[in-house]
Structure formats: structure tokens, C-alpha cells
Amino acid sequence: MPHRSDTDLVLAALAGGKDAMSARDEIIHRYHQKVYGFLHQLTGRKEDAEDLTQETLLLALRKLKTFKQGRDLLPWLFTIARRTAISQWRKSKPTSPLFDSDHPSDESAKPHDAVALWKIAKDKLKPDEFTALWMHYQEDLPIKEVARVLRKTTTHAKVIVYRARKHLGKELALTNDAWLPGHQVNLTSP
């Protein structure tokens, strides 16, 4: 079966009939792992990410009629995921921050691998900065889509990404020998 666009999938899911269920299944299959990865980085806890991923996808399927045709589904799903995580965090009346540093992969992370980089980013950046960097560099979303998820202007999203890179670059420079011995880390240039 040919690859259907996000808009085609949403239209099929909303139309009802025999294709609606397969369209909904395809949406879940196509985006489950990306939503889970985003939420896992956001919460730092596997169980929370699994629960929030389910909640996000169910909510998205219920609200498909609000999806704007012609756009990509992933940024819309990230918006729902982010709001769901924040809402859940507020309901739980937490005593710890949303960005929990007790991540199971923390113990096994080497100073030079991507897991360690994202852990440093999560620990040192503001939530919007971390989210913007994750979506732009890890999920490969254009700045315009990052701006939609964060509910900011495109210019503001560019500033957030720039400042996050600059801040992260300074943090990495402080531990440059432990990070990449003999290499300078420069995240502030484009």
C-alpha cells in the first residue's frame, strides 16, 4: 500500500467506514515511537512516557477534527504531548520538577554519547529551550513547526533555539575535556 499523507490519513479516519480504523491504526503506528521518545526525554521516566504517550494518542484521535489539513501531524502531536505532560505534572502536585534527572539511562551514559548530551541539555536548559532543541535537532522539525508547538512566533522560536545552543555550548565548554578531549564544542554557530 502506498504511503498516505497525514491529511489523507486524517480524512480517512474522520470519514468513518471500513478504512477509518486502519487509518487510525496507521497514525498510531507511524507516530507512536516519536511521541514516546519526545515524552521520555521530557519526563525522564519510561513509565510516565508510556502512559503519557497512550493518553496523547487517544486524545489526538478524539480531536482529529481540529487538525488543520495540509500540515504535518507530528508537530500537532508534539503540541498535544507537551500539554498532556504539563497537565499531568500539575495534577500530581509534584514535589520534584517536570524534568526529572533520575533517568535510567543516566548511569550507563558515557560522557561523549548523545544520551549524555541530551541529559546535560535537560538538566541545564529551560523547558522551552530543551523542547525546542529536541524537536529541531532530534526530530528534525523546521523552526516554523517548533514555533507552532511552543505557541511562539517563528522569530521567537529561532531566538529560543539560538539561546539554547549558546547556553548548552557554554555548559559543554565548562566540561570540555570530559566531553570531547582535544575538541572544542561550538553550538552557537549555525
N, C-alpha and C. Protein backbone atom coordinates (compact mmCIF):
# COMPACT_ATOMS: atom_id res chain seq x y z
N MET A 1 0.85 -1.18 0.00
CA MET A 1 0.00 0.00 0.00
C MET A 1 0.89 1.24 0.00
N PRO A 2 0.60 2.23 -0.85
CA PRO A 2 1.42 3.44 -0.91
C PRO A 2 1.32 4.24 0.38
N HIS A 3 2.37 5.01 0.62
CA HIS A 3 2.44 5.85 1.81
C HIS A 3 1.41 6.99 1.69
N ARG A 4 0.50 7.06 2.65
CA ARG A 4 -0.53 8.10 2.62
C ARG A 4 -0.04 9.31 3.40
N SER A 5 -0.44 10.48 2.93
CA SER A 5 -0.07 11.72 3.62
C SER A 5 -0.84 11.81 4.93
N ASP A 6 -0.35 12.69 5.81
CA ASP A 6 -1.03 12.90 7.08
C ASP A 6 -2.47 13.37 6.86
N THR A 7 -2.66 14.28 5.92
CA THR A 7 -4.00 14.78 5.64
C THR A 7 -4.91 13.66 5.15
N ASP A 8 -4.40 12.80 4.26
CA ASP A 8 -5.19 11.67 3.77
C ASP A 8 -5.58 10.74 4.91
N LEU A 9 -4.64 10.48 5.82
CA LEU A 9 -4.93 9.62 6.96
C LEU A 9 -6.02 10.23 7.85
N VAL A 10 -5.90 11.51 8.12
CA VAL A 10 -6.88 12.18 8.98
C VAL A 10 -8.25 12.16 8.32
N LEU A 11 -8.30 12.47 7.04
CA LEU A 11 -9.57 12.46 6.33
C LEU A 11 -10.21 11.08 6.33
N ALA A 12 -9.39 10.05 6.13
CA ALA A 12 -9.90 8.68 6.15
C ALA A 12 -10.40 8.30 7.55
N ALA A 13 -9.67 8.72 8.57
CA ALA A 13 -10.06 8.41 9.94
C ALA A 13 -11.37 9.11 10.31
N LEU A 14 -11.58 10.29 9.79
CA LEU A 14 -12.80 11.06 10.09
C LEU A 14 -14.00 10.63 9.26
N ALA A 15 -13.73 10.05 8.09
CA ALA A 15 -14.81 9.69 7.17
C ALA A 15 -15.65 8.53 7.68
N GLY A 16 -15.08 7.74 8.57
CA GLY A 16 -15.80 6.57 9.05
C GLY A 16 -15.66 5.44 8.04
N GLY A 17 -16.47 4.44 8.20
CA GLY A 17 -16.42 3.32 7.29
C GLY A 17 -15.29 2.36 7.61
N LYS A 18 -15.05 1.45 6.67
CA LYS A 18 -14.08 0.39 6.93
C LYS A 18 -12.63 0.88 6.96
N ASP A 19 -12.34 1.98 6.27
CA ASP A 19 -10.96 2.49 6.23
C ASP A 19 -10.61 3.33 7.45
N ALA A 20 -11.59 3.78 8.22
CA ALA A 20 -11.34 4.67 9.35
C ALA A 20 -10.46 4.00 10.40
N MET A 21 -10.76 2.76 10.72
CA MET A 21 -9.97 2.06 11.75
C MET A 21 -8.53 1.84 11.29
N SER A 22 -8.34 1.46 10.03
CA SER A 22 -6.97 1.24 9.55
C SER A 22 -6.22 2.56 9.48
N ALA A 23 -6.89 3.67 9.16
CA ALA A 23 -6.23 4.98 9.14
C ALA A 23 -5.80 5.38 10.55
N ARG A 24 -6.66 5.15 11.52
CA ARG A 24 -6.30 5.45 12.92
C ARG A 24 -5.13 4.58 13.38
N ASP A 25 -5.17 3.31 13.02
CA ASP A 25 -4.06 2.41 13.37
C ASP A 25 -2.76 2.87 12.72
N GLU A 26 -2.84 3.32 11.48
CA GLU A 26 -1.64 3.79 10.79
C GLU A 26 -1.07 5.04 11.44
N ILE A 27 -1.94 5.94 11.88
CA ILE A 27 -1.48 7.15 12.59
C ILE A 27 -0.72 6.74 13.84
N ILE A 28 -1.30 5.83 14.60
CA ILE A 28 -0.65 5.37 15.84
C ILE A 28 0.67 4.69 15.52
N HIS A 29 0.66 3.80 14.56
CA HIS A 29 1.88 3.07 14.19
C HIS A 29 2.98 4.02 13.70
N ARG A 30 2.59 5.01 12.91
CA ARG A 30 3.55 5.94 12.32
C ARG A 30 4.20 6.85 13.36
N TYR A 31 3.44 7.26 14.38
CA TYR A 31 3.94 8.30 15.29
C TYR A 31 4.14 7.89 16.74
N HIS A 32 3.78 6.69 17.08
CA HIS A 32 3.90 6.24 18.48
C HIS A 32 5.33 6.41 19.01
N GLN A 33 6.30 5.90 18.29
CA GLN A 33 7.69 5.91 18.77
C GLN A 33 8.23 7.33 18.91
N LYS A 34 7.90 8.21 17.99
CA LYS A 34 8.38 9.60 18.08
C LYS A 34 7.76 10.33 19.27
N VAL A 35 6.46 10.14 19.48
CA VAL A 35 5.79 10.77 20.62
C VAL A 35 6.37 10.21 21.92
N TYR A 36 6.56 8.88 21.96
CA TYR A 36 7.14 8.26 23.15
C TYR A 36 8.55 8.82 23.42
N GLY A 37 9.37 8.89 22.39
CA GLY A 37 10.74 9.41 22.56
C GLY A 37 10.75 10.83 23.08
N PHE A 38 9.87 11.65 22.54
CA PHE A 38 9.75 13.04 23.00
C PHE A 38 9.35 13.09 24.47
N LEU A 39 8.33 12.32 24.83
CA LEU A 39 7.86 12.33 26.22
C LEU A 39 8.87 11.70 27.17
N HIS A 40 9.60 10.71 26.70
CA HIS A 40 10.63 10.09 27.55
C HIS A 40 11.73 11.10 27.85
N GLN A 41 12.13 11.86 26.85
CA GLN A 41 13.13 12.90 27.09
C GLN A 41 12.58 13.99 27.99
N LEU A 42 11.31 14.29 27.84
CA LEU A 42 10.69 15.35 28.63
C LEU A 42 10.55 14.95 30.10
N THR A 43 10.11 13.72 30.35
CA THR A 43 9.85 13.29 31.73
C THR A 43 11.03 12.56 32.35
N GLY A 44 11.82 11.88 31.53
CA GLY A 44 12.95 11.11 32.04
C GLY A 44 12.55 9.79 32.66
N ARG A 45 11.29 9.41 32.56
CA ARG A 45 10.82 8.17 33.17
C ARG A 45 10.04 7.35 32.15
N LYS A 46 10.44 6.12 31.97
CA LYS A 46 9.84 5.23 30.99
C LYS A 46 8.34 5.04 31.23
N GLU A 47 7.97 4.77 32.46
CA GLU A 47 6.56 4.51 32.78
C GLU A 47 5.69 5.73 32.50
N ASP A 48 6.17 6.90 32.90
CA ASP A 48 5.42 8.13 32.65
C ASP A 48 5.29 8.37 31.15
N ALA A 49 6.38 8.16 30.42
CA ALA A 49 6.35 8.37 28.98
C ALA A 49 5.37 7.42 28.30
N GLU A 50 5.33 6.17 28.75
CA GLU A 50 4.40 5.20 28.17
C GLU A 50 2.96 5.63 28.42
N ASP A 51 2.65 6.01 29.65
CA ASP A 51 1.29 6.44 29.99
C ASP A 51 0.90 7.70 29.22
N LEU A 52 1.80 8.66 29.18
CA LEU A 52 1.51 9.92 28.51
C LEU A 52 1.39 9.74 26.99
N THR A 53 2.16 8.80 26.44
CA THR A 53 2.05 8.52 25.00
C THR A 53 0.68 7.98 24.67
N GLN A 54 0.21 7.04 25.46
CA GLN A 54 -1.14 6.50 25.24
C GLN A 54 -2.19 7.60 25.36
N GLU A 55 -2.08 8.38 26.41
CA GLU A 55 -3.04 9.46 26.64
C GLU A 55 -3.01 10.47 25.49
N THR A 56 -1.82 10.80 25.03
CA THR A 56 -1.66 11.76 23.93
C THR A 56 -2.31 11.24 22.65
N LEU A 57 -2.02 10.00 22.30
CA LEU A 57 -2.55 9.45 21.06
C LEU A 57 -4.07 9.28 21.11
N LEU A 58 -4.59 8.88 22.25
CA LEU A 58 -6.04 8.76 22.39
C LEU A 58 -6.71 10.14 22.27
N LEU A 59 -6.14 11.12 22.92
CA LEU A 59 -6.67 12.47 22.85
C LEU A 59 -6.60 12.99 21.41
N ALA A 60 -5.50 12.75 20.74
CA ALA A 60 -5.33 13.20 19.36
C ALA A 60 -6.37 12.56 18.45
N LEU A 61 -6.62 11.27 18.63
CA LEU A 61 -7.62 10.60 17.79
C LEU A 61 -9.02 11.17 18.04
N ARG A 62 -9.30 11.52 19.30
CA ARG A 62 -10.60 12.12 19.62
C ARG A 62 -10.74 13.53 19.02
N LYS A 63 -9.62 14.22 18.85
CA LYS A 63 -9.64 15.61 18.39
C LYS A 63 -9.18 15.78 16.94
N LEU A 64 -9.20 14.70 16.18
CA LEU A 64 -8.73 14.77 14.80
C LEU A 64 -9.43 15.84 13.97
N LYS A 65 -10.67 16.12 14.29
CA LYS A 65 -11.40 17.13 13.50
C LYS A 65 -10.81 18.52 13.67
N THR A 66 -9.97 18.75 14.69
CA THR A 66 -9.35 20.06 14.88
C THR A 66 -8.01 20.18 14.13
N PHE A 67 -7.53 19.06 13.57
CA PHE A 67 -6.28 19.08 12.82
C PHE A 67 -6.46 19.87 11.53
N LYS A 68 -5.54 20.78 11.26
CA LYS A 68 -5.63 21.61 10.05
C LYS A 68 -5.00 20.88 8.87
N GLN A 69 -5.82 20.63 7.87
CA GLN A 69 -5.37 19.90 6.69
C GLN A 69 -4.21 20.61 6.01
N GLY A 70 -3.31 19.81 5.46
CA GLY A 70 -2.16 20.35 4.75
C GLY A 70 -0.93 20.50 5.63
N ARG A 71 -1.10 20.34 6.91
CA ARG A 71 0.04 20.44 7.84
C ARG A 71 0.54 19.05 8.17
N ASP A 72 1.70 19.00 8.81
CA ASP A 72 2.25 17.73 9.27
C ASP A 72 1.61 17.37 10.60
N LEU A 73 1.38 16.10 10.80
CA LEU A 73 0.73 15.62 12.01
C LEU A 73 1.67 15.63 13.22
N LEU A 74 2.96 15.38 13.00
CA LEU A 74 3.89 15.26 14.12
C LEU A 74 3.96 16.51 15.00
N PRO A 75 4.11 17.71 14.46
CA PRO A 75 4.14 18.88 15.35
C PRO A 75 2.84 19.03 16.15
N TRP A 76 1.72 18.72 15.53
CA TRP A 76 0.43 18.77 16.22
C TRP A 76 0.42 17.76 17.37
N LEU A 77 0.94 16.57 17.12
CA LEU A 77 1.01 15.54 18.18
C LEU A 77 1.96 15.97 19.29
N PHE A 78 3.09 16.59 18.94
CA PHE A 78 4.02 17.08 19.96
C PHE A 78 3.37 18.15 20.83
N THR A 79 2.54 19.00 20.22
CA THR A 79 1.83 20.03 20.99
C THR A 79 0.91 19.36 22.01
N ILE A 80 0.16 18.37 21.57
CA ILE A 80 -0.74 17.64 22.47
C ILE A 80 0.07 16.92 23.55
N ALA A 81 1.17 16.29 23.16
CA ALA A 81 2.01 15.57 24.12
C ALA A 81 2.57 16.51 25.19
N ARG A 82 3.06 17.64 24.76
CA ARG A 82 3.64 18.62 25.70
C ARG A 82 2.58 19.11 26.68
N ARG A 83 1.42 19.46 26.15
CA ARG A 83 0.34 19.94 27.02
C ARG A 83 -0.15 18.84 27.96
N THR A 84 -0.22 17.63 27.47
CA THR A 84 -0.65 16.49 28.30
C THR A 84 0.34 16.27 29.44
N ALA A 85 1.63 16.33 29.13
CA ALA A 85 2.66 16.14 30.16
C ALA A 85 2.59 17.24 31.21
N ILE A 86 2.44 18.47 30.78
CA ILE A 86 2.36 19.59 31.72
C ILE A 86 1.10 19.46 32.58
N SER A 87 0.00 19.12 31.95
CA SER A 87 -1.26 18.95 32.68
C SER A 87 -1.15 17.83 33.73
N GLN A 88 -0.57 16.72 33.33
CA GLN A 88 -0.40 15.60 34.26
C GLN A 88 0.52 15.99 35.41
N TRP A 89 1.58 16.72 35.10
CA TRP A 89 2.52 17.16 36.13
C TRP A 89 1.82 18.08 37.12
N ARG A 90 0.97 18.98 36.63
CA ARG A 90 0.25 19.90 37.52
C ARG A 90 -0.76 19.16 38.39
N LYS A 91 -1.45 18.17 37.83
CA LYS A 91 -2.45 17.40 38.58
C LYS A 91 -1.82 16.60 39.71
N SER A 92 -0.60 16.14 39.51
CA SER A 92 0.04 15.28 40.50
C SER A 92 0.58 16.06 41.69
N LYS A 93 0.49 17.39 41.64
CA LYS A 93 1.04 18.24 42.71
C LYS A 93 2.45 17.78 43.08
N PRO A 94 3.35 17.89 42.12
CA PRO A 94 4.69 17.32 42.28
C PRO A 94 5.53 18.01 43.35
N THR A 95 6.43 17.22 43.88
CA THR A 95 7.44 17.77 44.78
C THR A 95 8.77 17.82 44.05
N SER A 96 8.80 17.29 42.84
CA SER A 96 10.02 17.32 42.02
C SER A 96 9.69 18.00 40.69
N PRO A 97 10.72 18.49 40.01
CA PRO A 97 10.47 19.18 38.75
C PRO A 97 10.00 18.23 37.66
N LEU A 98 9.38 18.81 36.62
CA LEU A 98 8.94 18.02 35.48
C LEU A 98 10.11 17.32 34.83
N PHE A 99 11.24 17.99 34.78
CA PHE A 99 12.43 17.42 34.18
C PHE A 99 13.22 16.66 35.25
N ASP A 100 12.85 15.43 35.45
CA ASP A 100 13.45 14.57 36.46
C ASP A 100 14.81 14.10 35.99
N SER A 101 15.84 14.27 36.82
CA SER A 101 17.18 13.85 36.40
C SER A 101 17.47 12.40 36.76
N ASP A 102 16.55 11.71 37.42
CA ASP A 102 16.74 10.29 37.73
C ASP A 102 16.31 9.45 36.55
N HIS A 103 17.06 9.53 35.49
CA HIS A 103 16.76 8.85 34.24
C HIS A 103 17.51 7.52 34.25
N PRO A 104 16.85 6.40 33.94
CA PRO A 104 17.51 5.10 34.00
C PRO A 104 18.76 5.02 33.14
N SER A 105 18.79 5.75 32.04
CA SER A 105 19.96 5.68 31.17
C SER A 105 21.11 6.54 31.68
N ASP A 106 20.88 7.34 32.72
CA ASP A 106 21.93 8.23 33.23
C ASP A 106 23.16 7.45 33.71
N GLU A 107 22.92 6.34 34.39
CA GLU A 107 24.05 5.60 34.94
C GLU A 107 24.90 4.99 33.84
N SER A 108 24.28 4.62 32.73
CA SER A 108 25.03 3.94 31.68
C SER A 108 25.57 4.91 30.64
N ALA A 109 25.25 6.19 30.73
CA ALA A 109 25.66 7.14 29.71
C ALA A 109 27.15 7.45 29.81
N LYS A 110 27.80 7.43 28.67
CA LYS A 110 29.20 7.81 28.58
C LYS A 110 29.23 9.32 28.32
N PRO A 111 30.30 10.01 28.76
CA PRO A 111 30.34 11.45 28.60
C PRO A 111 30.27 11.91 27.15
N HIS A 112 30.59 11.06 26.18
CA HIS A 112 30.66 11.51 24.80
C HIS A 112 29.49 11.07 23.94
N ASP A 113 28.52 10.41 24.47
CA ASP A 113 27.43 9.95 23.60
C ASP A 113 26.22 10.88 23.63
N ALA A 114 25.31 10.66 22.70
CA ALA A 114 24.15 11.52 22.54
C ALA A 114 23.26 11.52 23.77
N VAL A 115 23.16 10.40 24.45
CA VAL A 115 22.33 10.33 25.66
C VAL A 115 22.85 11.32 26.69
N ALA A 116 24.15 11.38 26.85
CA ALA A 116 24.74 12.31 27.81
C ALA A 116 24.50 13.76 27.38
N LEU A 117 24.59 14.03 26.09
CA LEU A 117 24.34 15.38 25.61
C LEU A 117 22.92 15.81 25.92
N TRP A 118 21.95 14.92 25.66
CA TRP A 118 20.55 15.28 25.93
C TRP A 118 20.29 15.38 27.43
N LYS A 119 21.00 14.60 28.23
CA LYS A 119 20.85 14.71 29.69
C LYS A 119 21.36 16.07 30.17
N ILE A 120 22.52 16.47 29.67
CA ILE A 120 23.06 17.78 30.03
C ILE A 120 22.09 18.87 29.59
N ALA A 121 21.57 18.75 28.38
CA ALA A 121 20.61 19.74 27.88
C ALA A 121 19.38 19.80 28.77
N LYS A 122 18.86 18.65 29.16
CA LYS A 122 17.66 18.62 30.00
C LYS A 122 17.94 19.22 31.37
N ASP A 123 19.12 18.94 31.91
CA ASP A 123 19.47 19.45 33.24
C ASP A 123 19.77 20.94 33.26
N LYS A 124 20.33 21.47 32.18
CA LYS A 124 20.84 22.84 32.19
C LYS A 124 19.96 23.86 31.48
N LEU A 125 19.07 23.42 30.61
CA LEU A 125 18.26 24.36 29.83
C LEU A 125 16.87 24.53 30.43
N LYS A 126 16.26 25.64 30.08
CA LYS A 126 14.86 25.87 30.45
C LYS A 126 14.00 24.89 29.66
N PRO A 127 12.82 24.56 30.17
CA PRO A 127 11.96 23.58 29.47
C PRO A 127 11.69 23.93 28.00
N ASP A 128 11.36 25.18 27.70
CA ASP A 128 11.11 25.55 26.30
C ASP A 128 12.38 25.42 25.45
N GLU A 129 13.53 25.75 26.03
CA GLU A 129 14.79 25.62 25.29
C GLU A 129 15.06 24.15 24.96
N PHE A 130 14.92 23.29 25.97
CA PHE A 130 15.14 21.86 25.74
C PHE A 130 14.17 21.32 24.70
N THR A 131 12.90 21.66 24.84
CA THR A 131 11.88 21.18 23.90
C THR A 131 12.19 21.65 22.49
N ALA A 132 12.56 22.90 22.34
CA ALA A 132 12.87 23.44 21.01
C ALA A 132 14.07 22.72 20.39
N LEU A 133 15.13 22.53 21.17
CA LEU A 133 16.30 21.82 20.65
C LEU A 133 15.96 20.38 20.27
N TRP A 134 15.23 19.70 21.15
CA TRP A 134 14.87 18.30 20.88
C TRP A 134 14.08 18.19 19.57
N MET A 135 13.07 19.02 19.45
CA MET A 135 12.22 18.92 18.26
C MET A 135 12.98 19.30 16.99
N HIS A 136 13.83 20.33 17.08
CA HIS A 136 14.54 20.79 15.88
C HIS A 136 15.67 19.85 15.48
N TYR A 137 16.46 19.40 16.44
CA TYR A 137 17.63 18.60 16.10
C TYR A 137 17.40 17.09 16.17
N GLN A 138 16.65 16.63 17.14
CA GLN A 138 16.42 15.19 17.26
C GLN A 138 15.29 14.74 16.34
N GLU A 139 14.21 15.51 16.28
CA GLU A 139 13.05 15.13 15.46
C GLU A 139 13.08 15.78 14.08
N ASP A 140 14.05 16.66 13.85
CA ASP A 140 14.25 17.27 12.54
C ASP A 140 13.07 18.13 12.08
N LEU A 141 12.39 18.76 13.02
CA LEU A 141 11.29 19.64 12.66
C LEU A 141 11.82 21.01 12.28
N PRO A 142 11.23 21.64 11.27
CA PRO A 142 11.65 23.00 10.93
C PRO A 142 11.25 23.97 12.05
N ILE A 143 11.95 25.08 12.12
CA ILE A 143 11.70 26.08 13.15
C ILE A 143 10.23 26.51 13.16
N LYS A 144 9.63 26.62 11.99
CA LYS A 144 8.23 27.02 11.89
C LYS A 144 7.33 26.06 12.67
N GLU A 145 7.60 24.77 12.59
CA GLU A 145 6.81 23.78 13.31
C GLU A 145 7.12 23.80 14.81
N VAL A 146 8.38 24.02 15.15
CA VAL A 146 8.76 24.16 16.56
C VAL A 146 8.00 25.34 17.17
N ALA A 147 7.90 26.42 16.43
CA ALA A 147 7.18 27.60 16.90
C ALA A 147 5.71 27.28 17.15
N ARG A 148 5.11 26.49 16.27
CA ARG A 148 3.70 26.11 16.47
C ARG A 148 3.53 25.31 17.75
N VAL A 149 4.43 24.35 17.97
CA VAL A 149 4.32 23.52 19.17
C VAL A 149 4.47 24.36 20.43
N LEU A 150 5.41 25.27 20.42
CA LEU A 150 5.67 26.11 21.59
C LEU A 150 4.70 27.28 21.70
N ARG A 151 3.88 27.47 20.68
CA ARG A 151 2.93 28.59 20.62
C ARG A 151 3.68 29.93 20.69
N LYS A 152 4.72 30.01 19.87
CA LYS A 152 5.54 31.22 19.76
C LYS A 152 5.58 31.63 18.29
N THR A 153 6.07 32.82 18.04
CA THR A 153 6.31 33.22 16.65
C THR A 153 7.53 32.48 16.14
N THR A 154 7.69 32.44 14.83
CA THR A 154 8.86 31.79 14.25
C THR A 154 10.13 32.48 14.71
N THR A 155 10.11 33.79 14.75
CA THR A 155 11.29 34.54 15.20
C THR A 155 11.62 34.21 16.65
N HIS A 156 10.61 34.13 17.51
CA HIS A 156 10.84 33.80 18.91
C HIS A 156 11.41 32.38 19.04
N ALA A 157 10.90 31.45 18.24
CA ALA A 157 11.42 30.08 18.27
C ALA A 157 12.90 30.04 17.84
N LYS A 158 13.25 30.84 16.83
CA LYS A 158 14.65 30.92 16.40
C LYS A 158 15.53 31.43 17.54
N VAL A 159 15.03 32.44 18.25
CA VAL A 159 15.78 33.01 19.38
C VAL A 159 15.94 31.96 20.48
N ILE A 160 14.88 31.22 20.76
CA ILE A 160 14.95 30.17 21.80
C ILE A 160 15.99 29.13 21.42
N VAL A 161 15.99 28.68 20.17
CA VAL A 161 16.97 27.67 19.72
C VAL A 161 18.38 28.24 19.79
N TYR A 162 18.55 29.48 19.33
CA TYR A 162 19.87 30.11 19.38
C TYR A 162 20.39 30.20 20.81
N ARG A 163 19.54 30.71 21.72
CA ARG A 163 19.95 30.86 23.12
C ARG A 163 20.22 29.51 23.77
N ALA A 164 19.42 28.52 23.43
CA ALA A 164 19.63 27.18 23.99
C ALA A 164 20.96 26.62 23.52
N ARG A 165 21.25 26.78 22.24
CA ARG A 165 22.55 26.29 21.72
C ARG A 165 23.71 27.02 22.38
N LYS A 166 23.57 28.33 22.54
CA LYS A 166 24.62 29.13 23.16
C LYS A 166 24.83 28.70 24.62
N HIS A 167 23.73 28.55 25.35
CA HIS A 167 23.79 28.14 26.75
C HIS A 167 24.40 26.73 26.86
N LEU A 168 23.94 25.82 26.02
CA LEU A 168 24.47 24.45 26.05
C LEU A 168 25.94 24.42 25.66
N GLY A 169 26.32 25.24 24.70
CA GLY A 169 27.72 25.34 24.31
C GLY A 169 28.60 25.79 25.46
N LYS A 170 28.12 26.76 26.24
CA LYS A 170 28.88 27.22 27.41
C LYS A 170 28.98 26.12 28.46
N GLU A 171 27.89 25.40 28.67
CA GLU A 171 27.91 24.30 29.64
C GLU A 171 28.91 23.22 29.22
N LEU A 172 28.92 22.90 27.94
CA LEU A 172 29.84 21.88 27.43
C LEU A 172 31.28 22.35 27.47
N ALA A 173 31.49 23.64 27.26
CA ALA A 173 32.84 24.19 27.32
C ALA A 173 33.42 24.08 28.73
N LEU A 174 32.54 24.18 29.74
CA LEU A 174 33.00 24.06 31.12
C LEU A 174 33.55 22.67 31.41
N THR A 175 33.00 21.68 30.73
CA THR A 175 33.44 20.30 30.92
C THR A 175 34.01 19.74 29.63
N ASN A 176 34.68 20.59 28.85
CA ASN A 176 35.14 20.22 27.52
C ASN A 176 36.06 19.00 27.52
N ASP A 177 36.99 18.90 28.47
CA ASP A 177 37.90 17.76 28.47
C ASP A 177 37.18 16.45 28.72
N ALA A 178 36.16 16.48 29.59
CA ALA A 178 35.39 15.27 29.86
C ALA A 178 34.45 14.95 28.70
N TRP A 179 34.06 15.98 27.96
CA TRP A 179 33.09 15.77 26.88
C TRP A 179 33.76 15.19 25.64
N LEU A 180 34.63 15.97 25.02
CA LEU A 180 35.36 15.52 23.85
C LEU A 180 36.81 15.96 23.99
N PRO A 181 37.64 15.13 24.58
CA PRO A 181 39.02 15.52 24.80
C PRO A 181 39.69 16.01 23.51
N GLY A 182 40.30 17.19 23.60
CA GLY A 182 41.03 17.74 22.46
C GLY A 182 40.16 18.43 21.42
N HIS A 183 38.85 18.52 21.63
CA HIS A 183 37.96 19.16 20.66
C HIS A 183 37.23 20.32 21.32
N GLN A 184 37.05 21.38 20.58
CA GLN A 184 36.25 22.49 21.05
C GLN A 184 34.80 22.27 20.63
N VAL A 185 33.87 22.52 21.53
CA VAL A 185 32.46 22.38 21.23
C VAL A 185 31.89 23.75 20.97
N ASN A 186 31.32 23.96 19.79
CA ASN A 186 30.72 25.25 19.45
C ASN A 186 29.31 25.00 18.93
N LEU A 187 28.33 25.23 19.79
CA LEU A 187 26.95 25.05 19.39
C LEU A 187 26.29 26.38 19.04
N THR A 188 27.04 27.47 19.10
CA THR A 188 26.43 28.78 18.87
C THR A 188 26.43 29.16 17.40
N SER A 189 27.23 28.53 16.57
CA SER A 189 27.23 28.88 15.15
C SER A 189 26.19 28.04 14.43
N PRO A 190 25.64 28.57 13.33
CA PRO A 190 24.58 27.85 12.62
C PRO A 190 25.01 26.53 12.04
